[in-house]
Amino acid sequence: SETNVTLLTDEAGISKGKEIFTANCVACHGAALEGGVGPNLTDVYWLHGGGIQDVFKVVKYGVPEKGMIAWQATLKPNEIQAVSSYILSMQGTNPANAKEPQGEEYKPAVAVAEQL
């Protein structure tokens, strides 16, 4: 589920995610994730949060008011995990013709070292 999903970083997981993205997401987000109808997915600005749990949730439930469909009936949870991980693996790739940033800059929470 979106509350305990973890980021995949292995080559097989990212490769599977790219296949899913290419098959389902290119029409709105572009082949290089540069954005089109949908937002650019390679910058650090996110409309609904930029962590793995946030991206998983958006893919799963969609954003109907923005035209983003829910994929939970089409993709299995492990496929949503893979495509979400692929998207995050493409951060900072700076594709040509990238759509302007939208939303808020996402800064991952950094665990504070315990004071001794």
PDB file of N, CA and C in Angstrom:
ATOM      1  N   SER A   1       0.847  -1.198   0.000  1.00  0.00           N
ATOM      2  CA  SER A   1       0.000   0.000   0.000  1.00  0.00           C
ATOM      3  C   SER A   1       0.880   1.245   0.000  1.00  0.00           C
ATOM      4  N   GLU A   2       0.252   2.386  -0.180  1.00  0.00           N
ATOM      5  CA  GLU A   2       1.012   3.636  -0.263  1.00  0.00           C
ATOM      6  C   GLU A   2       1.670   4.017   1.059  1.00  0.00           C
ATOM      7  N   THR A   3       1.232   3.432   2.185  1.00  0.00           N
ATOM      8  CA  THR A   3       1.824   3.807   3.471  1.00  0.00           C
ATOM      9  C   THR A   3       3.130   3.086   3.752  1.00  0.00           C
ATOM     10  N   ASN A   4       3.362   1.932   3.118  1.00  0.00           N
ATOM     11  CA  ASN A   4       4.592   1.191   3.419  1.00  0.00           C
ATOM     12  C   ASN A   4       5.404   0.826   2.179  1.00  0.00           C
ATOM     13  N   VAL A   5       5.066   1.423   1.032  1.00  0.00           N
ATOM     14  CA  VAL A   5       5.819   1.127  -0.190  1.00  0.00           C
ATOM     15  C   VAL A   5       7.245   1.668  -0.057  1.00  0.00           C
ATOM     16  N   THR A   6       8.192   0.925  -0.610  1.00  0.00           N
ATOM     17  CA  THR A   6       9.586   1.361  -0.594  1.00  0.00           C
ATOM     18  C   THR A   6      10.066   1.607  -2.019  1.00  0.00           C
ATOM     19  N   LEU A   7      11.086   2.413  -2.131  1.00  0.00           N
ATOM     20  CA  LEU A   7      11.678   2.759  -3.421  1.00  0.00           C
ATOM     21  C   LEU A   7      12.521   1.602  -3.935  1.00  0.00           C
ATOM     22  N   LEU A   8      12.282   1.211  -5.182  1.00  0.00           N
ATOM     23  CA  LEU A   8      13.128   0.201  -5.821  1.00  0.00           C
ATOM     24  C   LEU A   8      14.324   0.920  -6.451  1.00  0.00           C
ATOM     25  N   THR A   9      15.490   0.331  -6.307  1.00  0.00           N
ATOM     26  CA  THR A   9      16.681   0.927  -6.925  1.00  0.00           C
ATOM     27  C   THR A   9      17.424  -0.086  -7.788  1.00  0.00           C
ATOM     28  N   ASP A  10      16.958  -1.348  -7.788  1.00  0.00           N
ATOM     29  CA  ASP A  10      17.637  -2.379  -8.573  1.00  0.00           C
ATOM     30  C   ASP A  10      17.308  -2.215 -10.054  1.00  0.00           C
ATOM     31  N   GLU A  11      18.213  -2.657 -10.893  1.00  0.00           N
ATOM     32  CA  GLU A  11      18.072  -2.494 -12.340  1.00  0.00           C
ATOM     33  C   GLU A  11      16.803  -3.150 -12.880  1.00  0.00           C
ATOM     34  N   ALA A  12      16.471  -4.337 -12.377  1.00  0.00           N
ATOM     35  CA  ALA A  12      15.280  -5.044 -12.859  1.00  0.00           C
ATOM     36  C   ALA A  12      14.011  -4.269 -12.533  1.00  0.00           C
ATOM     37  N   GLY A  13      13.937  -3.742 -11.317  1.00  0.00           N
ATOM     38  CA  GLY A  13      12.755  -2.982 -10.901  1.00  0.00           C
ATOM     39  C   GLY A  13      12.586  -1.705 -11.701  1.00  0.00           C
ATOM     40  N   ILE A  14      13.687  -0.991 -11.915  1.00  0.00           N
ATOM     41  CA  ILE A  14      13.648   0.261 -12.679  1.00  0.00           C
ATOM     42  C   ILE A  14      13.305  -0.026 -14.143  1.00  0.00           C
ATOM     43  N   SER A  15      13.862  -1.094 -14.688  1.00  0.00           N
ATOM     44  CA  SER A  15      13.588  -1.480 -16.072  1.00  0.00           C
ATOM     45  C   SER A  15      12.109  -1.822 -16.260  1.00  0.00           C
ATOM     46  N   LYS A  16      11.552  -2.569 -15.320  1.00  0.00           N
ATOM     47  CA  LYS A  16      10.128  -2.905 -15.362  1.00  0.00           C
ATOM     48  C   LYS A  16       9.286  -1.628 -15.286  1.00  0.00           C
ATOM     49  N   GLY A  17       9.697  -0.710 -14.417  1.00  0.00           N
ATOM     50  CA  GLY A  17       8.990   0.560 -14.285  1.00  0.00           C
ATOM     51  C   GLY A  17       9.016   1.373 -15.565  1.00  0.00           C
ATOM     52  N   LYS A  18      10.153   1.348 -16.252  1.00  0.00           N
ATOM     53  CA  LYS A  18      10.263   2.073 -17.525  1.00  0.00           C
ATOM     54  C   LYS A  18       9.313   1.476 -18.565  1.00  0.00           C
ATOM     55  N   GLU A  19       9.224   0.153 -18.612  1.00  0.00           N
ATOM     56  CA  GLU A  19       8.297  -0.505 -19.555  1.00  0.00           C
ATOM     57  C   GLU A  19       6.858  -0.079 -19.283  1.00  0.00           C
ATOM     58  N   ILE A  20       6.479  -0.050 -18.018  1.00  0.00           N
ATOM     59  CA  ILE A  20       5.117   0.342 -17.638  1.00  0.00           C
ATOM     60  C   ILE A  20       4.874   1.803 -17.999  1.00  0.00           C
ATOM     61  N   PHE A  21       5.859   2.656 -17.725  1.00  0.00           N
ATOM     62  CA  PHE A  21       5.740   4.077 -18.058  1.00  0.00           C
ATOM     63  C   PHE A  21       5.569   4.259 -19.563  1.00  0.00           C
ATOM     64  N   THR A  22       6.407   3.563 -20.332  1.00  0.00           N
ATOM     65  CA  THR A  22       6.365   3.683 -21.788  1.00  0.00           C
ATOM     66  C   THR A  22       5.017   3.233 -22.335  1.00  0.00           C
ATOM     67  N   ALA A  23       4.458   2.193 -21.745  1.00  0.00           N
ATOM     68  CA  ALA A  23       3.179   1.658 -22.217  1.00  0.00           C
ATOM     69  C   ALA A  23       1.988   2.528 -21.815  1.00  0.00           C
ATOM     70  N   ASN A  24       2.075   3.237 -20.690  1.00  0.00           N
ATOM     71  CA  ASN A  24       0.883   3.876 -20.133  1.00  0.00           C
ATOM     72  C   ASN A  24       0.957   5.380 -19.906  1.00  0.00           C
ATOM     73  N   CYS A  25       2.139   5.941 -19.747  1.00  0.00           N
ATOM     74  CA  CYS A  25       2.257   7.294 -19.207  1.00  0.00           C
ATOM     75  C   CYS A  25       2.781   8.340 -20.196  1.00  0.00           C
ATOM     76  N   VAL A  26       3.388   7.847 -21.288  1.00  0.00           N
ATOM     77  CA  VAL A  26       4.044   8.726 -22.250  1.00  0.00           C
ATOM     78  C   VAL A  26       3.080   9.737 -22.880  1.00  0.00           C
ATOM     79  N   ALA A  27       1.843   9.324 -23.125  1.00  0.00           N
ATOM     80  CA  ALA A  27       0.886  10.210 -23.800  1.00  0.00           C
ATOM     81  C   ALA A  27       0.740  11.550 -23.078  1.00  0.00           C
ATOM     82  N   CYS A  28       0.737  11.533 -21.754  1.00  0.00           N
ATOM     83  CA  CYS A  28       0.548  12.773 -20.991  1.00  0.00           C
ATOM     84  C   CYS A  28       1.825  13.353 -20.400  1.00  0.00           C
ATOM     85  N   HIS A  29       2.819  12.509 -20.122  1.00  0.00           N
ATOM     86  CA  HIS A  29       4.023  12.989 -19.445  1.00  0.00           C
ATOM     87  C   HIS A  29       5.260  13.027 -20.341  1.00  0.00           C
ATOM     88  N   GLY A  30       5.180  12.490 -21.570  1.00  0.00           N
ATOM     89  CA  GLY A  30       6.303  12.526 -22.497  1.00  0.00           C
ATOM     90  C   GLY A  30       7.249  11.356 -22.322  1.00  0.00           C
ATOM     91  N   ALA A  31       7.915  10.977 -23.390  1.00  0.00           N
ATOM     92  CA  ALA A  31       8.811   9.818 -23.384  1.00  0.00           C
ATOM     93  C   ALA A  31       9.986  10.012 -22.438  1.00  0.00           C
ATOM     94  N   ALA A  32      10.424  11.277 -22.264  1.00  0.00           N
ATOM     95  CA  ALA A  32      11.548  11.569 -21.373  1.00  0.00           C
ATOM     96  C   ALA A  32      11.056  12.153 -20.050  1.00  0.00           C
ATOM     97  N   LEU A  33       9.746  12.009 -19.765  1.00  0.00           N
ATOM     98  CA  LEU A  33       9.111  12.518 -18.550  1.00  0.00           C
ATOM     99  C   LEU A  33       9.119  14.040 -18.490  1.00  0.00           C
ATOM    100  N   GLU A  34       9.273  14.660 -19.669  1.00  0.00           N
ATOM    101  CA  GLU A  34       9.420  16.112 -19.737  1.00  0.00           C
ATOM    102  C   GLU A  34       8.118  16.876 -19.492  1.00  0.00           C
ATOM    103  N   GLY A  35       6.999  16.166 -19.534  1.00  0.00           N
ATOM    104  CA  GLY A  35       5.712  16.817 -19.343  1.00  0.00           C
ATOM    105  C   GLY A  35       5.060  17.139 -20.672  1.00  0.00           C
ATOM    106  N   GLY A  36       3.758  17.299 -20.641  1.00  0.00           N
ATOM    107  CA  GLY A  36       2.961  17.633 -21.815  1.00  0.00           C
ATOM    108  C   GLY A  36       1.628  18.085 -21.269  1.00  0.00           C
ATOM    109  N   VAL A  37       0.610  17.278 -21.461  1.00  0.00           N
ATOM    110  CA  VAL A  37      -0.669  17.529 -20.798  1.00  0.00           C
ATOM    111  C   VAL A  37      -0.428  17.469 -19.288  1.00  0.00           C
ATOM    112  N   GLY A  38       0.344  16.483 -18.880  1.00  0.00           N
ATOM    113  CA  GLY A  38       0.688  16.315 -17.464  1.00  0.00           C
ATOM    114  C   GLY A  38       1.996  17.006 -17.138  1.00  0.00           C
ATOM    115  N   PRO A  39       2.332  17.080 -15.850  1.00  0.00           N
ATOM    116  CA  PRO A  39       3.552  17.774 -15.450  1.00  0.00           C
ATOM    117  C   PRO A  39       4.849  17.057 -15.816  1.00  0.00           C
ATOM    118  N   ASN A  40       5.908  17.852 -15.831  1.00  0.00           N
ATOM    119  CA  ASN A  40       7.279  17.362 -15.938  1.00  0.00           C
ATOM    120  C   ASN A  40       7.554  16.554 -14.664  1.00  0.00           C
ATOM    121  N   LEU A  41       8.054  15.333 -14.822  1.00  0.00           N
ATOM    122  CA  LEU A  41       8.312  14.468 -13.669  1.00  0.00           C
ATOM    123  C   LEU A  41       9.800  14.356 -13.340  1.00  0.00           C
ATOM    124  N   THR A  42      10.633  15.217 -13.947  1.00  0.00           N
ATOM    125  CA  THR A  42      12.078  15.104 -13.725  1.00  0.00           C
ATOM    126  C   THR A  42      12.642  16.203 -12.837  1.00  0.00           C
ATOM    127  N   ASP A  43      11.837  17.208 -12.509  1.00  0.00           N
ATOM    128  CA  ASP A  43      12.352  18.288 -11.662  1.00  0.00           C
ATOM    129  C   ASP A  43      12.020  17.989 -10.196  1.00  0.00           C
ATOM    130  N   VAL A  44      12.356  18.918  -9.306  1.00  0.00           N
ATOM    131  CA  VAL A  44      12.138  18.680  -7.870  1.00  0.00           C
ATOM    132  C   VAL A  44      10.833  19.303  -7.377  1.00  0.00           C
ATOM    133  N   TYR A  45      10.002  19.774  -8.322  1.00  0.00           N
ATOM    134  CA  TYR A  45       8.734  20.395  -7.951  1.00  0.00           C
ATOM    135  C   TYR A  45       7.585  19.416  -8.176  1.00  0.00           C
ATOM    136  N   TRP A  46       6.764  19.274  -7.172  1.00  0.00           N
ATOM    137  CA  TRP A  46       5.680  18.287  -7.198  1.00  0.00           C
ATOM    138  C   TRP A  46       4.382  18.916  -6.739  1.00  0.00           C
ATOM    139  N   LEU A  47       3.298  18.538  -7.389  1.00  0.00           N
ATOM    140  CA  LEU A  47       1.965  19.023  -7.014  1.00  0.00           C
ATOM    141  C   LEU A  47       1.401  18.255  -5.829  1.00  0.00           C
ATOM    142  N   HIS A  48       1.803  17.002  -5.672  1.00  0.00           N
ATOM    143  CA  HIS A  48       1.210  16.138  -4.643  1.00  0.00           C
ATOM    144  C   HIS A  48       2.266  15.426  -3.805  1.00  0.00           C
ATOM    145  N   GLY A  49       3.469  16.011  -3.716  1.00  0.00           N
ATOM    146  CA  GLY A  49       4.545  15.402  -2.934  1.00  0.00           C
ATOM    147  C   GLY A  49       5.445  14.542  -3.804  1.00  0.00           C
ATOM    148  N   GLY A  50       6.734  14.517  -3.487  1.00  0.00           N
ATOM    149  CA  GLY A  50       7.700  13.851  -4.340  1.00  0.00           C
ATOM    150  C   GLY A  50       8.390  12.643  -3.743  1.00  0.00           C
ATOM    151  N   GLY A  51       7.845  12.087  -2.682  1.00  0.00           N
ATOM    152  CA  GLY A  51       8.419  10.870  -2.129  1.00  0.00           C
ATOM    153  C   GLY A  51       7.797   9.645  -2.780  1.00  0.00           C
ATOM    154  N   ILE A  52       8.379   8.482  -2.578  1.00  0.00           N
ATOM    155  CA  ILE A  52       7.858   7.252  -3.186  1.00  0.00           C
ATOM    156  C   ILE A  52       6.404   7.012  -2.783  1.00  0.00           C
ATOM    157  N   GLN A  53       6.055   7.255  -1.525  1.00  0.00           N
ATOM    158  CA  GLN A  53       4.676   7.038  -1.088  1.00  0.00           C
ATOM    159  C   GLN A  53       3.723   8.010  -1.776  1.00  0.00           C
ATOM    160  N   ASP A  54       4.177   9.264  -1.979  1.00  0.00           N
ATOM    161  CA  ASP A  54       3.352  10.271  -2.653  1.00  0.00           C
ATOM    162  C   ASP A  54       3.097   9.891  -4.111  1.00  0.00           C
ATOM    163  N   VAL A  55       4.167   9.514  -4.808  1.00  0.00           N
ATOM    164  CA  VAL A  55       4.043   9.179  -6.231  1.00  0.00           C
ATOM    165  C   VAL A  55       3.174   7.926  -6.394  1.00  0.00           C
ATOM    166  N   PHE A  56       3.402   6.928  -5.549  1.00  0.00           N
ATOM    167  CA  PHE A  56       2.593   5.705  -5.573  1.00  0.00           C
ATOM    168  C   PHE A  56       1.114   6.051  -5.420  1.00  0.00           C
ATOM    169  N   LYS A  57       0.794   6.914  -4.471  1.00  0.00           N
ATOM    170  CA  LYS A  57      -0.600   7.286  -4.193  1.00  0.00           C
ATOM    171  C   LYS A  57      -1.237   7.978  -5.401  1.00  0.00           C
ATOM    172  N   VAL A  58      -0.498   8.878  -6.044  1.00  0.00           N
ATOM    173  CA  VAL A  58      -1.036   9.583  -7.211  1.00  0.00           C
ATOM    174  C   VAL A  58      -1.281   8.608  -8.368  1.00  0.00           C
ATOM    175  N   VAL A  59      -0.340   7.695  -8.594  1.00  0.00           N
ATOM    176  CA  VAL A  59      -0.527   6.711  -9.663  1.00  0.00           C
ATOM    177  C   VAL A  59      -1.731   5.811  -9.327  1.00  0.00           C
ATOM    178  N   LYS A  60      -1.817   5.365  -8.079  1.00  0.00           N
ATOM    179  CA  LYS A  60      -2.887   4.453  -7.669  1.00  0.00           C
ATOM    180  C   LYS A  60      -4.269   5.097  -7.780  1.00  0.00           C
ATOM    181  N   TYR A  61      -4.426   6.281  -7.189  1.00  0.00           N
ATOM    182  CA  TYR A  61      -5.748   6.907  -7.087  1.00  0.00           C
ATOM    183  C   TYR A  61      -6.013   7.954  -8.159  1.00  0.00           C
ATOM    184  N   GLY A  62      -4.962   8.407  -8.846  1.00  0.00           N
ATOM    185  CA  GLY A  62      -5.130   9.445  -9.851  1.00  0.00           C
ATOM    186  C   GLY A  62      -5.422  10.802  -9.227  1.00  0.00           C
ATOM    187  N   VAL A  63      -5.624  11.779 -10.097  1.00  0.00           N
ATOM    188  CA  VAL A  63      -6.043  13.124  -9.696  1.00  0.00           C
ATOM    189  C   VAL A  63      -7.143  13.492 -10.693  1.00  0.00           C
ATOM    190  N   PRO A  64      -8.347  12.939 -10.464  1.00  0.00           N
ATOM    191  CA  PRO A  64      -9.410  13.065 -11.469  1.00  0.00           C
ATOM    192  C   PRO A  64      -9.682  14.498 -11.920  1.00  0.00           C
ATOM    193  N   GLU A  65      -9.601  15.457 -10.996  1.00  0.00           N
ATOM    194  CA  GLU A  65      -9.896  16.846 -11.359  1.00  0.00           C
ATOM    195  C   GLU A  65      -8.858  17.432 -12.301  1.00  0.00           C
ATOM    196  N   LYS A  66      -7.683  16.802 -12.385  1.00  0.00           N
ATOM    197  CA  LYS A  66      -6.630  17.269 -13.294  1.00  0.00           C
ATOM    198  C   LYS A  66      -6.512  16.383 -14.539  1.00  0.00           C
ATOM    199  N   GLY A  67      -7.343  15.347 -14.627  1.00  0.00           N
ATOM    200  CA  GLY A  67      -7.281  14.462 -15.785  1.00  0.00           C
ATOM    201  C   GLY A  67      -6.343  13.280 -15.620  1.00  0.00           C
ATOM    202  N   MET A  68      -5.716  13.149 -14.434  1.00  0.00           N
ATOM    203  CA  MET A  68      -4.844  11.998 -14.162  1.00  0.00           C
ATOM    204  C   MET A  68      -5.727  10.845 -13.703  1.00  0.00           C
ATOM    205  N   ILE A  69      -5.717   9.762 -14.477  1.00  0.00           N
ATOM    206  CA  ILE A  69      -6.588   8.641 -14.131  1.00  0.00           C
ATOM    207  C   ILE A  69      -5.984   7.788 -13.027  1.00  0.00           C
ATOM    208  N   ALA A  70      -6.865   7.076 -12.322  1.00  0.00           N
ATOM    209  CA  ALA A  70      -6.427   6.127 -11.301  1.00  0.00           C
ATOM    210  C   ALA A  70      -6.012   4.844 -12.010  1.00  0.00           C
ATOM    211  N   TRP A  71      -4.869   4.297 -11.617  1.00  0.00           N
ATOM    212  CA  TRP A  71      -4.340   3.092 -12.261  1.00  0.00           C
ATOM    213  C   TRP A  71      -4.539   1.833 -11.427  1.00  0.00           C
ATOM    214  N   GLN A  72      -5.199   1.936 -10.270  1.00  0.00           N
ATOM    215  CA  GLN A  72      -5.311   0.783  -9.375  1.00  0.00           C
ATOM    216  C   GLN A  72      -6.069  -0.390  -9.977  1.00  0.00           C
ATOM    217  N   ALA A  73      -6.966  -0.132 -10.932  1.00  0.00           N
ATOM    218  CA  ALA A  73      -7.699  -1.232 -11.558  1.00  0.00           C
ATOM    219  C   ALA A  73      -6.898  -1.878 -12.686  1.00  0.00           C
ATOM    220  N   THR A  74      -5.890  -1.182 -13.182  1.00  0.00           N
ATOM    221  CA  THR A  74      -5.102  -1.634 -14.328  1.00  0.00           C
ATOM    222  C   THR A  74      -3.761  -2.227 -13.929  1.00  0.00           C
ATOM    223  N   LEU A  75      -3.116  -1.607 -12.961  1.00  0.00           N
ATOM    224  CA  LEU A  75      -1.772  -2.018 -12.542  1.00  0.00           C
ATOM    225  C   LEU A  75      -1.821  -2.645 -11.150  1.00  0.00           C
ATOM    226  N   LYS A  76      -1.031  -3.695 -10.974  1.00  0.00           N
ATOM    227  CA  LYS A  76      -0.900  -4.331  -9.663  1.00  0.00           C
ATOM    228  C   LYS A  76      -0.049  -3.427  -8.768  1.00  0.00           C
ATOM    229  N   PRO A  77      -0.160  -3.569  -7.439  1.00  0.00           N
ATOM    230  CA  PRO A  77       0.651  -2.733  -6.545  1.00  0.00           C
ATOM    231  C   PRO A  77       2.149  -2.784  -6.846  1.00  0.00           C
ATOM    232  N   ASN A  78       2.687  -3.973  -7.181  1.00  0.00           N
ATOM    233  CA  ASN A  78       4.131  -4.040  -7.469  1.00  0.00           C
ATOM    234  C   ASN A  78       4.467  -3.308  -8.769  1.00  0.00           C
ATOM    235  N   GLU A  79       3.512  -3.221  -9.696  1.00  0.00           N
ATOM    236  CA  GLU A  79       3.738  -2.462 -10.934  1.00  0.00           C
ATOM    237  C   GLU A  79       3.697  -0.960 -10.656  1.00  0.00           C
ATOM    238  N   ILE A  80       2.793  -0.551  -9.768  1.00  0.00           N
ATOM    239  CA  ILE A  80       2.740   0.863  -9.376  1.00  0.00           C
ATOM    240  C   ILE A  80       4.033   1.232  -8.658  1.00  0.00           C
ATOM    241  N   GLN A  81       4.532   0.333  -7.815  1.00  0.00           N
ATOM    242  CA  GLN A  81       5.815   0.557  -7.132  1.00  0.00           C
ATOM    243  C   GLN A  81       6.938   0.712  -8.154  1.00  0.00           C
ATOM    244  N   ALA A  82       6.953  -0.153  -9.149  1.00  0.00           N
ATOM    245  CA  ALA A  82       8.016  -0.116 -10.164  1.00  0.00           C
ATOM    246  C   ALA A  82       7.971   1.171 -10.977  1.00  0.00           C
ATOM    247  N   VAL A  83       6.787   1.563 -11.443  1.00  0.00           N
ATOM    248  CA  VAL A  83       6.707   2.768 -12.272  1.00  0.00           C
ATOM    249  C   VAL A  83       6.992   4.013 -11.436  1.00  0.00           C
ATOM    250  N   SER A  84       6.564   4.027 -10.184  1.00  0.00           N
ATOM    251  CA  SER A  84       6.853   5.163  -9.305  1.00  0.00           C
ATOM    252  C   SER A  84       8.355   5.268  -9.047  1.00  0.00           C
ATOM    253  N   SER A  85       9.010   4.131  -8.860  1.00  0.00           N
ATOM    254  CA  SER A  85      10.457   4.109  -8.638  1.00  0.00           C
ATOM    255  C   SER A  85      11.203   4.562  -9.882  1.00  0.00           C
ATOM    256  N   TYR A  86      10.736   4.125 -11.056  1.00  0.00           N
ATOM    257  CA  TYR A  86      11.345   4.573 -12.312  1.00  0.00           C
ATOM    258  C   TYR A  86      11.248   6.095 -12.430  1.00  0.00           C
ATOM    259  N   ILE A  87      10.065   6.631 -12.157  1.00  0.00           N
ATOM    260  CA  ILE A  87       9.874   8.090 -12.230  1.00  0.00           C
ATOM    261  C   ILE A  87      10.895   8.795 -11.341  1.00  0.00           C
ATOM    262  N   LEU A  88      11.028   8.333 -10.108  1.00  0.00           N
ATOM    263  CA  LEU A  88      11.961   8.988  -9.189  1.00  0.00           C
ATOM    264  C   LEU A  88      13.420   8.783  -9.601  1.00  0.00           C
ATOM    265  N   SER A  89      13.704   7.694 -10.320  1.00  0.00           N
ATOM    266  CA  SER A  89      15.074   7.465 -10.796  1.00  0.00           C
ATOM    267  C   SER A  89      15.459   8.468 -11.889  1.00  0.00           C
ATOM    268  N   MET A  90      14.468   9.127 -12.474  1.00  0.00           N
ATOM    269  CA  MET A  90      14.705  10.066 -13.567  1.00  0.00           C
ATOM    270  C   MET A  90      14.839  11.518 -13.092  1.00  0.00           C
ATOM    271  N   GLN A  91      14.839  11.714 -11.780  1.00  0.00           N
ATOM    272  CA  GLN A  91      15.009  13.052 -11.214  1.00  0.00           C
ATOM    273  C   GLN A  91      16.299  13.685 -11.719  1.00  0.00           C
ATOM    274  N   GLY A  92      16.212  14.939 -12.130  1.00  0.00           N
ATOM    275  CA  GLY A  92      17.406  15.678 -12.520  1.00  0.00           C
ATOM    276  C   GLY A  92      17.966  15.328 -13.885  1.00  0.00           C
ATOM    277  N   THR A  93      17.211  14.576 -14.693  1.00  0.00           N
ATOM    278  CA  THR A  93      17.728  14.215 -16.018  1.00  0.00           C
ATOM    279  C   THR A  93      17.634  15.368 -17.006  1.00  0.00           C
ATOM    280  N   ASN A  94      16.853  16.394 -16.674  1.00  0.00           N
ATOM    281  CA  ASN A  94      16.816  17.629 -17.457  1.00  0.00           C
ATOM    282  C   ASN A  94      16.569  17.385 -18.947  1.00  0.00           C
ATOM    283  N   PRO A  95      15.427  16.781 -19.297  1.00  0.00           N
ATOM    284  CA  PRO A  95      15.152  16.489 -20.710  1.00  0.00           C
ATOM    285  C   PRO A  95      14.918  17.749 -21.540  1.00  0.00           C
ATOM    286  N   ALA A  96      15.091  17.622 -22.844  1.00  0.00           N
ATOM    287  CA  ALA A  96      14.812  18.726 -23.759  1.00  0.00           C
ATOM    288  C   ALA A  96      13.322  19.057 -23.689  1.00  0.00           C
ATOM    289  N   ASN A  97      12.995  20.320 -23.928  1.00  0.00           N
ATOM    290  CA  ASN A  97      11.608  20.777 -23.957  1.00  0.00           C
ATOM    291  C   ASN A  97      10.838  20.468 -22.681  1.00  0.00           C
ATOM    292  N   ALA A  98      11.531  20.530 -21.545  1.00  0.00           N
ATOM    293  CA  ALA A  98      10.876  20.243 -20.268  1.00  0.00           C
ATOM    294  C   ALA A  98       9.828  21.304 -19.958  1.00  0.00           C
ATOM    295  N   LYS A  99       8.682  20.834 -19.477  1.00  0.00           N
ATOM    296  CA  LYS A  99       7.624  21.735 -19.051  1.00  0.00           C
ATOM    297  C   LYS A  99       8.083  22.478 -17.796  1.00  0.00           C
ATOM    298  N   GLU A 100       7.575  23.703 -17.623  1.00  0.00           N
ATOM    299  CA  GLU A 100       7.975  24.517 -16.469  1.00  0.00           C
ATOM    300  C   GLU A 100       7.582  23.827 -15.160  1.00  0.00           C
ATOM    301  N   PRO A 101       8.344  24.097 -14.094  1.00  0.00           N
ATOM    302  CA  PRO A 101       8.018  23.478 -12.803  1.00  0.00           C
ATOM    303  C   PRO A 101       6.614  23.843 -12.327  1.00  0.00           C
ATOM    304  N   GLN A 102       5.979  22.899 -11.673  1.00  0.00           N
ATOM    305  CA  GLN A 102       4.653  23.117 -11.096  1.00  0.00           C
ATOM    306  C   GLN A 102       4.667  22.591  -9.671  1.00  0.00           C
ATOM    307  N   GLY A 103       3.943  23.258  -8.790  1.00  0.00           N
ATOM    308  CA  GLY A 103       3.838  22.783  -7.418  1.00  0.00           C
ATOM    309  C   GLY A 103       4.973  23.268  -6.539  1.00  0.00           C
ATOM    310  N   GLU A 104       5.212  22.510  -5.488  1.00  0.00           N
ATOM    311  CA  GLU A 104       6.182  22.886  -4.463  1.00  0.00           C
ATOM    312  C   GLU A 104       7.460  22.070  -4.604  1.00  0.00           C
ATOM    313  N   GLU A 105       8.579  22.693  -4.236  1.00  0.00           N
ATOM    314  CA  GLU A 105       9.838  21.950  -4.209  1.00  0.00           C
ATOM    315  C   GLU A 105       9.741  20.876  -3.137  1.00  0.00           C
ATOM    316  N   TYR A 106      10.126  19.648  -3.507  1.00  0.00           N
ATOM    317  CA  TYR A 106      10.081  18.544  -2.554  1.00  0.00           C
ATOM    318  C   TYR A 106      11.459  18.340  -1.960  1.00  0.00           C
ATOM    319  N   LYS A 107      11.526  18.409  -0.640  1.00  0.00           N
ATOM    320  CA  LYS A 107      12.775  18.145   0.070  1.00  0.00           C
ATOM    321  C   LYS A 107      12.533  16.947   0.973  1.00  0.00           C
ATOM    322  N   PRO A 108      13.203  15.823   0.704  1.00  0.00           N
ATOM    323  CA  PRO A 108      12.996  14.641   1.537  1.00  0.00           C
ATOM    324  C   PRO A 108      13.347  14.924   2.997  1.00  0.00           C
ATOM    325  N   ALA A 109      12.558  14.357   3.874  1.00  0.00           N
ATOM    326  CA  ALA A 109      12.834  14.495   5.307  1.00  0.00           C
ATOM    327  C   ALA A 109      14.140  13.773   5.615  1.00  0.00           C
ATOM    328  N   VAL A 110      15.027  14.444   6.283  1.00  0.00           N
ATOM    329  CA  VAL A 110      16.306  13.831   6.649  1.00  0.00           C
ATOM    330  C   VAL A 110      16.233  13.463   8.130  1.00  0.00           C
ATOM    331  N   ALA A 111      16.537  12.232   8.411  1.00  0.00           N
ATOM    332  CA  ALA A 111      16.536  11.781   9.807  1.00  0.00           C
ATOM    333  C   ALA A 111      17.616  12.538  10.578  1.00  0.00           C
ATOM    334  N   VAL A 112      17.225  13.128  11.670  1.00  0.00           N
ATOM    335  CA  VAL A 112      18.180  13.874  12.495  1.00  0.00           C
ATOM    336  C   VAL A 112      18.914  12.887  13.400  1.00  0.00           C
ATOM    337  N   ALA A 113      20.228  12.974  13.398  1.00  0.00           N
ATOM    338  CA  ALA A 113      21.031  12.067  14.250  1.00  0.00           C
ATOM    339  C   ALA A 113      20.690  12.338  15.714  1.00  0.00           C
ATOM    340  N   GLU A 114      20.511  11.281  16.449  1.00  0.00           N
ATOM    341  CA  GLU A 114      20.174  11.414  17.858  1.00  0.00           C
ATOM    342  C   GLU A 114      21.309  12.087  18.610  1.00  0.00           C
ATOM    343  N   GLN A 115      20.949  13.033  19.450  1.00  0.00           N
ATOM    344  CA  GLN A 115      21.947  13.705  20.306  1.00  0.00           C
ATOM    345  C   GLN A 115      22.360  12.741  21.412  1.00  0.00           C
ATOM    346  N   LEU A 116      23.646  12.589  21.620  1.00  0.00           N
ATOM    347  CA  LEU A 116      24.104  11.699  22.687  1.00  0.00           C
ATOM    348  C   LEU A 116      24.319  12.468  23.976  1.00  0.00           C
TER     349      LEU A 116
END
